[in-house]
Amino acid sequence: MGVTLEQGTGWSTLRLEGAIDISLAAELKQLLMTAVAQGGEVRVDLGGATDLDVTAVQLLMAAERKAKGAGVGFAYSDVVPQQILSALSEAGLQQIWMAEKAA
């Protein structure tokens, strides 16, 4: 459980599993920076995540903005668990999150 990064030529996949909270913030930030710095396509797989705290959401949104500003592709897996969407909604972040995905 936690955060893992898999990289290939021109792509990176960051997998989030279990509860992603402040205890994993430094690791998440470092792996996001590594993935964006490589260039190519960054894909975030949330399929195994059970919870994202506000720190994790902020890091993901910041990494997405940085990637797009650098011309690096950034996308989320097609499957976002309902509990993640519910938690975002309860925190008042679902509209911001969804706007980021639509942009």
PDB file of N, CA and C in Angstrom:
ATOM      1  N   MET A   1       0.836  -1.185   0.000  1.00  0.00           N
ATOM      2  CA  MET A   1       0.000   0.000   0.000  1.00  0.00           C
ATOM      3  C   MET A   1       0.875   1.239   0.000  1.00  0.00           C
ATOM      4  N   GLY A   2       0.337   2.318  -0.503  1.00  0.00           N
ATOM      5  CA  GLY A   2       1.085   3.557  -0.548  1.00  0.00           C
ATOM      6  C   GLY A   2       1.162   4.092  -1.956  1.00  0.00           C
ATOM      7  N   VAL A   3       2.342   4.575  -2.310  1.00  0.00           N
ATOM      8  CA  VAL A   3       2.550   5.222  -3.595  1.00  0.00           C
ATOM      9  C   VAL A   3       3.710   4.530  -4.294  1.00  0.00           C
ATOM     10  N   THR A   4       3.511   4.150  -5.550  1.00  0.00           N
ATOM     11  CA  THR A   4       4.594   3.546  -6.332  1.00  0.00           C
ATOM     12  C   THR A   4       4.659   4.232  -7.686  1.00  0.00           C
ATOM     13  N   LEU A   5       5.848   4.255  -8.248  1.00  0.00           N
ATOM     14  CA  LEU A   5       6.077   4.869  -9.548  1.00  0.00           C
ATOM     15  C   LEU A   5       6.705   3.849 -10.478  1.00  0.00           C
ATOM     16  N   GLU A   6       6.113   3.693 -11.627  1.00  0.00           N
ATOM     17  CA  GLU A   6       6.661   2.836 -12.681  1.00  0.00           C
ATOM     18  C   GLU A   6       6.957   3.743 -13.861  1.00  0.00           C
ATOM     19  N   GLN A   7       8.149   3.608 -14.438  1.00  0.00           N
ATOM     20  CA  GLN A   7       8.529   4.471 -15.553  1.00  0.00           C
ATOM     21  C   GLN A   7       9.040   3.663 -16.731  1.00  0.00           C
ATOM     22  N   GLY A   8       8.761   4.177 -17.897  1.00  0.00           N
ATOM     23  CA  GLY A   8       9.258   3.611 -19.132  1.00  0.00           C
ATOM     24  C   GLY A   8       9.717   4.748 -20.019  1.00  0.00           C
ATOM     25  N   THR A   9      10.029   4.452 -21.238  1.00  0.00           N
ATOM     26  CA  THR A   9      10.467   5.484 -22.161  1.00  0.00           C
ATOM     27  C   THR A   9       9.276   6.367 -22.533  1.00  0.00           C
ATOM     28  N   GLY A  10       9.307   7.601 -22.058  1.00  0.00           N
ATOM     29  CA  GLY A  10       8.264   8.558 -22.404  1.00  0.00           C
ATOM     30  C   GLY A  10       6.986   8.462 -21.590  1.00  0.00           C
ATOM     31  N   TRP A  11       6.987   7.694 -20.504  1.00  0.00           N
ATOM     32  CA  TRP A  11       5.772   7.595 -19.685  1.00  0.00           C
ATOM     33  C   TRP A  11       6.113   7.255 -18.240  1.00  0.00           C
ATOM     34  N   SER A  12       5.209   7.642 -17.370  1.00  0.00           N
ATOM     35  CA  SER A  12       5.298   7.313 -15.947  1.00  0.00           C
ATOM     36  C   SER A  12       3.902   6.993 -15.454  1.00  0.00           C
ATOM     37  N   THR A  13       3.774   5.984 -14.610  1.00  0.00           N
ATOM     38  CA  THR A  13       2.496   5.669 -13.976  1.00  0.00           C
ATOM     39  C   THR A  13       2.704   5.688 -12.467  1.00  0.00           C
ATOM     40  N   LEU A  14       1.932   6.541 -11.818  1.00  0.00           N
ATOM     41  CA  LEU A  14       1.962   6.651 -10.365  1.00  0.00           C
ATOM     42  C   LEU A  14       0.722   5.954  -9.830  1.00  0.00           C
ATOM     43  N   ARG A  15       0.929   4.920  -8.998  1.00  0.00           N
ATOM     44  CA  ARG A  15      -0.197   4.170  -8.437  1.00  0.00           C
ATOM     45  C   ARG A  15      -0.375   4.532  -6.968  1.00  0.00           C
ATOM     46  N   LEU A  16      -1.607   4.882  -6.619  1.00  0.00           N
ATOM     47  CA  LEU A  16      -1.949   5.192  -5.241  1.00  0.00           C
ATOM     48  C   LEU A  16      -2.831   4.079  -4.716  1.00  0.00           C
ATOM     49  N   GLU A  17      -2.427   3.498  -3.593  1.00  0.00           N
ATOM     50  CA  GLU A  17      -3.177   2.382  -3.008  1.00  0.00           C
ATOM     51  C   GLU A  17      -3.398   2.628  -1.527  1.00  0.00           C
ATOM     52  N   GLY A  18      -4.602   2.322  -1.076  1.00  0.00           N
ATOM     53  CA  GLY A  18      -4.939   2.507   0.329  1.00  0.00           C
ATOM     54  C   GLY A  18      -5.207   3.969   0.634  1.00  0.00           C
ATOM     55  N   ALA A  19      -5.013   4.322   1.892  1.00  0.00           N
ATOM     56  CA  ALA A  19      -5.230   5.696   2.340  1.00  0.00           C
ATOM     57  C   ALA A  19      -3.965   6.515   2.078  1.00  0.00           C
ATOM     58  N   ILE A  20      -4.118   7.582   1.326  1.00  0.00           N
ATOM     59  CA  ILE A  20      -3.004   8.472   1.008  1.00  0.00           C
ATOM     60  C   ILE A  20      -3.212   9.736   1.830  1.00  0.00           C
ATOM     61  N   ASP A  21      -2.354   9.901   2.840  1.00  0.00           N
ATOM     62  CA  ASP A  21      -2.538  11.022   3.755  1.00  0.00           C
ATOM     63  C   ASP A  21      -1.211  11.741   3.994  1.00  0.00           C
ATOM     64  N   ILE A  22      -1.211  12.620   4.971  1.00  0.00           N
ATOM     65  CA  ILE A  22      -0.041  13.454   5.260  1.00  0.00           C
ATOM     66  C   ILE A  22       1.214  12.631   5.517  1.00  0.00           C
ATOM     67  N   SER A  23       1.069  11.421   6.033  1.00  0.00           N
ATOM     68  CA  SER A  23       2.242  10.590   6.306  1.00  0.00           C
ATOM     69  C   SER A  23       2.962  10.178   5.027  1.00  0.00           C
ATOM     70  N   LEU A  24       2.284  10.247   3.896  1.00  0.00           N
ATOM     71  CA  LEU A  24       2.885   9.895   2.606  1.00  0.00           C
ATOM     72  C   LEU A  24       3.150  11.119   1.735  1.00  0.00           C
ATOM     73  N   ALA A  25       2.925  12.316   2.271  1.00  0.00           N
ATOM     74  CA  ALA A  25       3.028  13.540   1.473  1.00  0.00           C
ATOM     75  C   ALA A  25       4.411  13.737   0.850  1.00  0.00           C
ATOM     76  N   ALA A  26       5.471  13.562   1.630  1.00  0.00           N
ATOM     77  CA  ALA A  26       6.822  13.774   1.098  1.00  0.00           C
ATOM     78  C   ALA A  26       7.132  12.785  -0.020  1.00  0.00           C
ATOM     79  N   GLU A  27       6.759  11.532   0.184  1.00  0.00           N
ATOM     80  CA  GLU A  27       6.991  10.505  -0.841  1.00  0.00           C
ATOM     81  C   GLU A  27       6.170  10.793  -2.093  1.00  0.00           C
ATOM     82  N   LEU A  28       4.903  11.150  -1.919  1.00  0.00           N
ATOM     83  CA  LEU A  28       4.042  11.468  -3.054  1.00  0.00           C
ATOM     84  C   LEU A  28       4.600  12.648  -3.831  1.00  0.00           C
ATOM     85  N   LYS A  29       4.999  13.697  -3.126  1.00  0.00           N
ATOM     86  CA  LYS A  29       5.553  14.878  -3.786  1.00  0.00           C
ATOM     87  C   LYS A  29       6.795  14.523  -4.594  1.00  0.00           C
ATOM     88  N   GLN A  30       7.704  13.756  -3.991  1.00  0.00           N
ATOM     89  CA  GLN A  30       8.942  13.383  -4.676  1.00  0.00           C
ATOM     90  C   GLN A  30       8.662  12.563  -5.932  1.00  0.00           C
ATOM     91  N   LEU A  31       7.767  11.590  -5.832  1.00  0.00           N
ATOM     92  CA  LEU A  31       7.465  10.757  -6.994  1.00  0.00           C
ATOM     93  C   LEU A  31       6.749  11.553  -8.085  1.00  0.00           C
ATOM     94  N   LEU A  32       5.873  12.461  -7.702  1.00  0.00           N
ATOM     95  CA  LEU A  32       5.221  13.323  -8.691  1.00  0.00           C
ATOM     96  C   LEU A  32       6.247  14.199  -9.401  1.00  0.00           C
ATOM     97  N   MET A  33       7.176  14.775  -8.643  1.00  0.00           N
ATOM     98  CA  MET A  33       8.216  15.614  -9.252  1.00  0.00           C
ATOM     99  C   MET A  33       9.087  14.806 -10.200  1.00  0.00           C
ATOM    100  N   THR A  34       9.431  13.592  -9.801  1.00  0.00           N
ATOM    101  CA  THR A  34      10.239  12.712 -10.654  1.00  0.00           C
ATOM    102  C   THR A  34       9.508  12.400 -11.955  1.00  0.00           C
ATOM    103  N   ALA A  35       8.238  12.069 -11.844  1.00  0.00           N
ATOM    104  CA  ALA A  35       7.443  11.720 -13.033  1.00  0.00           C
ATOM    105  C   ALA A  35       7.318  12.906 -13.981  1.00  0.00           C
ATOM    106  N   VAL A  36       7.020  14.071 -13.454  1.00  0.00           N
ATOM    107  CA  VAL A  36       6.860  15.263 -14.295  1.00  0.00           C
ATOM    108  C   VAL A  36       8.194  15.645 -14.929  1.00  0.00           C
ATOM    109  N   ALA A  37       9.282  15.546 -14.171  1.00  0.00           N
ATOM    110  CA  ALA A  37      10.602  15.908 -14.689  1.00  0.00           C
ATOM    111  C   ALA A  37      11.037  15.015 -15.838  1.00  0.00           C
ATOM    112  N   GLN A  38      10.587  13.753 -15.844  1.00  0.00           N
ATOM    113  CA  GLN A  38      10.961  12.844 -16.935  1.00  0.00           C
ATOM    114  C   GLN A  38      10.342  13.289 -18.246  1.00  0.00           C
ATOM    115  N   GLY A  39       9.212  13.967 -18.171  1.00  0.00           N
ATOM    116  CA  GLY A  39       8.521  14.371 -19.394  1.00  0.00           C
ATOM    117  C   GLY A  39       7.649  13.236 -19.884  1.00  0.00           C
ATOM    118  N   GLY A  40       7.194  13.345 -21.100  1.00  0.00           N
ATOM    119  CA  GLY A  40       6.318  12.306 -21.633  1.00  0.00           C
ATOM    120  C   GLY A  40       4.937  12.389 -21.029  1.00  0.00           C
ATOM    121  N   GLU A  41       4.333  11.255 -20.781  1.00  0.00           N
ATOM    122  CA  GLU A  41       2.972  11.169 -20.240  1.00  0.00           C
ATOM    123  C   GLU A  41       3.017  10.693 -18.800  1.00  0.00           C
ATOM    124  N   VAL A  42       2.343  11.420 -17.915  1.00  0.00           N
ATOM    125  CA  VAL A  42       2.209  11.021 -16.517  1.00  0.00           C
ATOM    126  C   VAL A  42       0.775  10.548 -16.320  1.00  0.00           C
ATOM    127  N   ARG A  43       0.636   9.345 -15.805  1.00  0.00           N
ATOM    128  CA  ARG A  43      -0.695   8.790 -15.533  1.00  0.00           C
ATOM    129  C   ARG A  43      -0.783   8.456 -14.048  1.00  0.00           C
ATOM    130  N   VAL A  44      -1.869   8.888 -13.422  1.00  0.00           N
ATOM    131  CA  VAL A  44      -2.099   8.618 -12.010  1.00  0.00           C
ATOM    132  C   VAL A  44      -3.228   7.608 -11.904  1.00  0.00           C
ATOM    133  N   ASP A  45      -2.914   6.468 -11.311  1.00  0.00           N
ATOM    134  CA  ASP A  45      -3.888   5.391 -11.145  1.00  0.00           C
ATOM    135  C   ASP A  45      -4.436   5.442  -9.720  1.00  0.00           C
ATOM    136  N   LEU A  46      -5.700   5.836  -9.595  1.00  0.00           N
ATOM    137  CA  LEU A  46      -6.364   5.947  -8.302  1.00  0.00           C
ATOM    138  C   LEU A  46      -7.210   4.724  -7.978  1.00  0.00           C
ATOM    139  N   GLY A  47      -7.206   3.724  -8.843  1.00  0.00           N
ATOM    140  CA  GLY A  47      -8.072   2.565  -8.688  1.00  0.00           C
ATOM    141  C   GLY A  47      -7.940   1.833  -7.372  1.00  0.00           C
ATOM    142  N   GLY A  48      -6.758   1.847  -6.763  1.00  0.00           N
ATOM    143  CA  GLY A  48      -6.552   1.148  -5.505  1.00  0.00           C
ATOM    144  C   GLY A  48      -6.612   2.049  -4.284  1.00  0.00           C
ATOM    145  N   ALA A  49      -6.878   3.337  -4.500  1.00  0.00           N
ATOM    146  CA  ALA A  49      -6.931   4.277  -3.379  1.00  0.00           C
ATOM    147  C   ALA A  49      -8.243   4.125  -2.616  1.00  0.00           C
ATOM    148  N   THR A  50      -8.149   4.201  -1.302  1.00  0.00           N
ATOM    149  CA  THR A  50      -9.355   4.137  -0.474  1.00  0.00           C
ATOM    150  C   THR A  50      -9.689   5.494   0.124  1.00  0.00           C
ATOM    151  N   ASP A  51      -8.680   6.380   0.209  1.00  0.00           N
ATOM    152  CA  ASP A  51      -8.905   7.713   0.762  1.00  0.00           C
ATOM    153  C   ASP A  51      -7.766   8.624   0.340  1.00  0.00           C
ATOM    154  N   LEU A  52      -8.100   9.870   0.029  1.00  0.00           N
ATOM    155  CA  LEU A  52      -7.107  10.908  -0.238  1.00  0.00           C
ATOM    156  C   LEU A  52      -7.393  12.046   0.721  1.00  0.00           C
ATOM    157  N   ASP A  53      -6.391  12.457   1.493  1.00  0.00           N
ATOM    158  CA  ASP A  53      -6.633  13.616   2.336  1.00  0.00           C
ATOM    159  C   ASP A  53      -6.370  14.879   1.525  1.00  0.00           C
ATOM    160  N   VAL A  54      -6.634  16.022   2.121  1.00  0.00           N
ATOM    161  CA  VAL A  54      -6.518  17.281   1.387  1.00  0.00           C
ATOM    162  C   VAL A  54      -5.086  17.528   0.921  1.00  0.00           C
ATOM    163  N   THR A  55      -4.096  17.062   1.669  1.00  0.00           N
ATOM    164  CA  THR A  55      -2.703  17.216   1.250  1.00  0.00           C
ATOM    165  C   THR A  55      -2.442  16.470  -0.048  1.00  0.00           C
ATOM    166  N   ALA A  56      -2.922  15.242  -0.144  1.00  0.00           N
ATOM    167  CA  ALA A  56      -2.738  14.450  -1.362  1.00  0.00           C
ATOM    168  C   ALA A  56      -3.438  15.110  -2.550  1.00  0.00           C
ATOM    169  N   VAL A  57      -4.643  15.589  -2.331  1.00  0.00           N
ATOM    170  CA  VAL A  57      -5.383  16.258  -3.410  1.00  0.00           C
ATOM    171  C   VAL A  57      -4.628  17.500  -3.874  1.00  0.00           C
ATOM    172  N   GLN A  58      -4.128  18.298  -2.937  1.00  0.00           N
ATOM    173  CA  GLN A  58      -3.377  19.498  -3.296  1.00  0.00           C
ATOM    174  C   GLN A  58      -2.118  19.151  -4.091  1.00  0.00           C
ATOM    175  N   LEU A  59      -1.406  18.113  -3.670  1.00  0.00           N
ATOM    176  CA  LEU A  59      -0.195  17.707  -4.388  1.00  0.00           C
ATOM    177  C   LEU A  59      -0.512  17.240  -5.803  1.00  0.00           C
ATOM    178  N   LEU A  60      -1.576  16.465  -5.954  1.00  0.00           N
ATOM    179  CA  LEU A  60      -1.964  15.999  -7.286  1.00  0.00           C
ATOM    180  C   LEU A  60      -2.362  17.163  -8.190  1.00  0.00           C
ATOM    181  N   MET A  61      -3.138  18.088  -7.659  1.00  0.00           N
ATOM    182  CA  MET A  61      -3.573  19.228  -8.460  1.00  0.00           C
ATOM    183  C   MET A  61      -2.394  20.124  -8.837  1.00  0.00           C
ATOM    184  N   ALA A  62      -1.470  20.331  -7.916  1.00  0.00           N
ATOM    185  CA  ALA A  62      -0.285  21.142  -8.200  1.00  0.00           C
ATOM    186  C   ALA A  62       0.596  20.470  -9.252  1.00  0.00           C
ATOM    187  N   ALA A  63       0.768  19.156  -9.141  1.00  0.00           N
ATOM    188  CA  ALA A  63       1.573  18.423 -10.121  1.00  0.00           C
ATOM    189  C   ALA A  63       0.934  18.486 -11.500  1.00  0.00           C
ATOM    190  N   GLU A  64      -0.388  18.391 -11.550  1.00  0.00           N
ATOM    191  CA  GLU A  64      -1.083  18.471 -12.835  1.00  0.00           C
ATOM    192  C   GLU A  64      -0.863  19.843 -13.478  1.00  0.00           C
ATOM    193  N   ARG A  65      -0.979  20.900 -12.696  1.00  0.00           N
ATOM    194  CA  ARG A  65      -0.750  22.249 -13.235  1.00  0.00           C
ATOM    195  C   ARG A  65       0.696  22.404 -13.711  1.00  0.00           C
ATOM    196  N   LYS A  66       1.648  21.910 -12.917  1.00  0.00           N
ATOM    197  CA  LYS A  66       3.063  22.009 -13.298  1.00  0.00           C
ATOM    198  C   LYS A  66       3.336  21.231 -14.580  1.00  0.00           C
ATOM    199  N   ALA A  67       2.777  20.025 -14.673  1.00  0.00           N
ATOM    200  CA  ALA A  67       2.976  19.209 -15.874  1.00  0.00           C
ATOM    201  C   ALA A  67       2.411  19.913 -17.103  1.00  0.00           C
ATOM    202  N   LYS A  68       1.199  20.382 -16.995  1.00  0.00           N
ATOM    203  CA  LYS A  68       0.571  21.046 -18.144  1.00  0.00           C
ATOM    204  C   LYS A  68       1.329  22.303 -18.536  1.00  0.00           C
ATOM    205  N   GLY A  69       1.852  23.036 -17.541  1.00  0.00           N
ATOM    206  CA  GLY A  69       2.651  24.229 -17.826  1.00  0.00           C
ATOM    207  C   GLY A  69       3.955  23.899 -18.533  1.00  0.00           C
ATOM    208  N   ALA A  70       4.462  22.698 -18.301  1.00  0.00           N
ATOM    209  CA  ALA A  70       5.716  22.257 -18.915  1.00  0.00           C
ATOM    210  C   ALA A  70       5.483  21.464 -20.206  1.00  0.00           C
ATOM    211  N   GLY A  71       4.215  21.351 -20.610  1.00  0.00           N
ATOM    212  CA  GLY A  71       3.910  20.600 -21.826  1.00  0.00           C
ATOM    213  C   GLY A  71       3.975  19.098 -21.650  1.00  0.00           C
ATOM    214  N   VAL A  72       3.850  18.647 -20.415  1.00  0.00           N
ATOM    215  CA  VAL A  72       3.886  17.215 -20.107  1.00  0.00           C
ATOM    216  C   VAL A  72       2.448  16.719 -19.967  1.00  0.00           C
ATOM    217  N   GLY A  73       2.130  15.616 -20.629  1.00  0.00           N
ATOM    218  CA  GLY A  73       0.795  15.042 -20.505  1.00  0.00           C
ATOM    219  C   GLY A  73       0.546  14.556 -19.091  1.00  0.00           C
ATOM    220  N   PHE A  74      -0.664  14.756 -18.583  1.00  0.00           N
ATOM    221  CA  PHE A  74      -1.005  14.352 -17.217  1.00  0.00           C
ATOM    222  C   PHE A  74      -2.442  13.887 -17.246  1.00  0.00           C
ATOM    223  N   ALA A  75      -2.672  12.651 -16.830  1.00  0.00           N
ATOM    224  CA  ALA A  75      -4.034  12.105 -16.870  1.00  0.00           C
ATOM    225  C   ALA A  75      -4.254  11.190 -15.675  1.00  0.00           C
ATOM    226  N   TYR A  76      -5.520  11.024 -15.334  1.00  0.00           N
ATOM    227  CA  TYR A  76      -5.923  10.121 -14.265  1.00  0.00           C
ATOM    228  C   TYR A  76      -6.509   8.862 -14.876  1.00  0.00           C
ATOM    229  N   SER A  77      -6.391   7.768 -14.150  1.00  0.00           N
ATOM    230  CA  SER A  77      -6.983   6.523 -14.610  1.00  0.00           C
ATOM    231  C   SER A  77      -8.472   6.720 -14.821  1.00  0.00           C
ATOM    232  N   ASP A  78      -9.034   5.909 -15.667  1.00  0.00           N
ATOM    233  CA  ASP A  78     -10.458   6.019 -15.970  1.00  0.00           C
ATOM    234  C   ASP A  78     -11.322   5.694 -14.757  1.00  0.00           C
ATOM    235  N   VAL A  79     -10.798   4.894 -13.848  1.00  0.00           N
ATOM    236  CA  VAL A  79     -11.572   4.462 -12.691  1.00  0.00           C
ATOM    237  C   VAL A  79     -11.138   5.264 -11.459  1.00  0.00           C
ATOM    238  N   VAL A  80     -12.062   6.061 -10.939  1.00  0.00           N
ATOM    239  CA  VAL A  80     -11.843   6.760  -9.676  1.00  0.00           C
ATOM    240  C   VAL A  80     -12.856   6.185  -8.701  1.00  0.00           C
ATOM    241  N   PRO A  81     -12.372   5.538  -7.644  1.00  0.00           N
ATOM    242  CA  PRO A  81     -13.294   4.903  -6.706  1.00  0.00           C
ATOM    243  C   PRO A  81     -14.326   5.882  -6.144  1.00  0.00           C
ATOM    244  N   GLN A  82     -15.532   5.373  -5.949  1.00  0.00           N
ATOM    245  CA  GLN A  82     -16.623   6.204  -5.448  1.00  0.00           C
ATOM    246  C   GLN A  82     -16.275   6.835  -4.107  1.00  0.00           C
ATOM    247  N   GLN A  83     -15.551   6.117  -3.235  1.00  0.00           N
ATOM    248  CA  GLN A  83     -15.205   6.683  -1.939  1.00  0.00           C
ATOM    249  C   GLN A  83     -14.299   7.904  -2.079  1.00  0.00           C
ATOM    250  N   ILE A  84     -13.479   7.935  -3.127  1.00  0.00           N
ATOM    251  CA  ILE A  84     -12.626   9.101  -3.372  1.00  0.00           C
ATOM    252  C   ILE A  84     -13.487  10.270  -3.825  1.00  0.00           C
ATOM    253  N   LEU A  85     -14.400  10.023  -4.760  1.00  0.00           N
ATOM    254  CA  LEU A  85     -15.303  11.083  -5.213  1.00  0.00           C
ATOM    255  C   LEU A  85     -16.167  11.599  -4.075  1.00  0.00           C
ATOM    256  N   SER A  86     -16.626  10.705  -3.204  1.00  0.00           N
ATOM    257  CA  SER A  86     -17.444  11.105  -2.059  1.00  0.00           C
ATOM    258  C   SER A  86     -16.643  11.974  -1.090  1.00  0.00           C
ATOM    259  N   ALA A  87     -15.408  11.575  -0.826  1.00  0.00           N
ATOM    260  CA  ALA A  87     -14.563  12.350   0.092  1.00  0.00           C
ATOM    261  C   ALA A  87     -14.290  13.740  -0.479  1.00  0.00           C
ATOM    262  N   LEU A  88     -14.043  13.830  -1.788  1.00  0.00           N
ATOM    263  CA  LEU A  88     -13.830  15.129  -2.421  1.00  0.00           C
ATOM    264  C   LEU A  88     -15.072  16.000  -2.302  1.00  0.00           C
ATOM    265  N   SER A  89     -16.211  15.391  -2.513  1.00  0.00           N
ATOM    266  CA  SER A  89     -17.475  16.113  -2.415  1.00  0.00           C
ATOM    267  C   SER A  89     -17.696  16.637  -0.997  1.00  0.00           C
ATOM    268  N   GLU A  90     -17.451  15.791   0.001  1.00  0.00           N
ATOM    269  CA  GLU A  90     -17.623  16.189   1.398  1.00  0.00           C
ATOM    270  C   GLU A  90     -16.679  17.319   1.785  1.00  0.00           C
ATOM    271  N   ALA A  91     -15.503  17.351   1.168  1.00  0.00           N
ATOM    272  CA  ALA A  91     -14.526  18.399   1.459  1.00  0.00           C
ATOM    273  C   ALA A  91     -14.774  19.660   0.633  1.00  0.00           C
ATOM    274  N   GLY A  92     -15.781  19.610  -0.246  1.00  0.00           N
ATOM    275  CA  GLY A  92     -16.071  20.758  -1.096  1.00  0.00           C
ATOM    276  C   GLY A  92     -15.110  20.895  -2.260  1.00  0.00           C
ATOM    277  N   LEU A  93     -14.398  19.820  -2.592  1.00  0.00           N
ATOM    278  CA  LEU A  93     -13.381  19.869  -3.643  1.00  0.00           C
ATOM    279  C   LEU A  93     -13.794  19.188  -4.939  1.00  0.00           C
ATOM    280  N   GLN A  94     -14.937  18.521  -4.963  1.00  0.00           N
ATOM    281  CA  GLN A  94     -15.293  17.761  -6.152  1.00  0.00           C
ATOM    282  C   GLN A  94     -15.409  18.653  -7.383  1.00  0.00           C
ATOM    283  N   GLN A  95     -16.020  19.827  -7.254  1.00  0.00           N
ATOM    284  CA  GLN A  95     -16.163  20.695  -8.413  1.00  0.00           C
ATOM    285  C   GLN A  95     -14.810  21.189  -8.900  1.00  0.00           C
ATOM    286  N   ILE A  96     -13.910  21.518  -7.970  1.00  0.00           N
ATOM    287  CA  ILE A  96     -12.567  21.951  -8.367  1.00  0.00           C
ATOM    288  C   ILE A  96     -11.838  20.806  -9.052  1.00  0.00           C
ATOM    289  N   TRP A  97     -11.913  19.623  -8.453  1.00  0.00           N
ATOM    290  CA  TRP A  97     -11.261  18.417  -8.997  1.00  0.00           C
ATOM    291  C   TRP A  97     -11.766  18.126 -10.399  1.00  0.00           C
ATOM    292  N   MET A  98     -13.088  18.121 -10.556  1.00  0.00           N
ATOM    293  CA  MET A  98     -13.673  17.798 -11.850  1.00  0.00           C
ATOM    294  C   MET A  98     -13.341  18.869 -12.885  1.00  0.00           C
ATOM    295  N   ALA A  99     -13.259  20.138 -12.470  1.00  0.00           N
ATOM    296  CA  ALA A  99     -12.875  21.214 -13.391  1.00  0.00           C
ATOM    297  C   ALA A  99     -11.441  20.999 -13.862  1.00  0.00           C
ATOM    298  N   GLU A 100     -10.568  20.568 -12.974  1.00  0.00           N
ATOM    299  CA  GLU A 100      -9.171  20.287 -13.349  1.00  0.00           C
ATOM    300  C   GLU A 100      -9.133  19.161 -14.380  1.00  0.00           C
ATOM    301  N   LYS A 101      -9.958  18.145 -14.217  1.00  0.00           N
ATOM    302  CA  LYS A 101      -9.953  17.017 -15.131  1.00  0.00           C
ATOM    303  C   LYS A 101     -10.505  17.398 -16.503  1.00  0.00           C
ATOM    304  N   ALA A 102     -11.444  18.345 -16.517  1.00  0.00           N
ATOM    305  CA  ALA A 102     -12.062  18.743 -17.780  1.00  0.00           C
ATOM    306  C   ALA A 102     -11.168  19.698 -18.576  1.00  0.00           C
ATOM    307  N   ALA A 103     -10.268  20.372 -17.876  1.00  0.00           N
ATOM    308  CA  ALA A 103      -9.415  21.371 -18.539  1.00  0.00           C
ATOM    309  C   ALA A 103      -8.373  20.722 -19.427  1.00  0.00           C
TER     310      ALA A 103
END
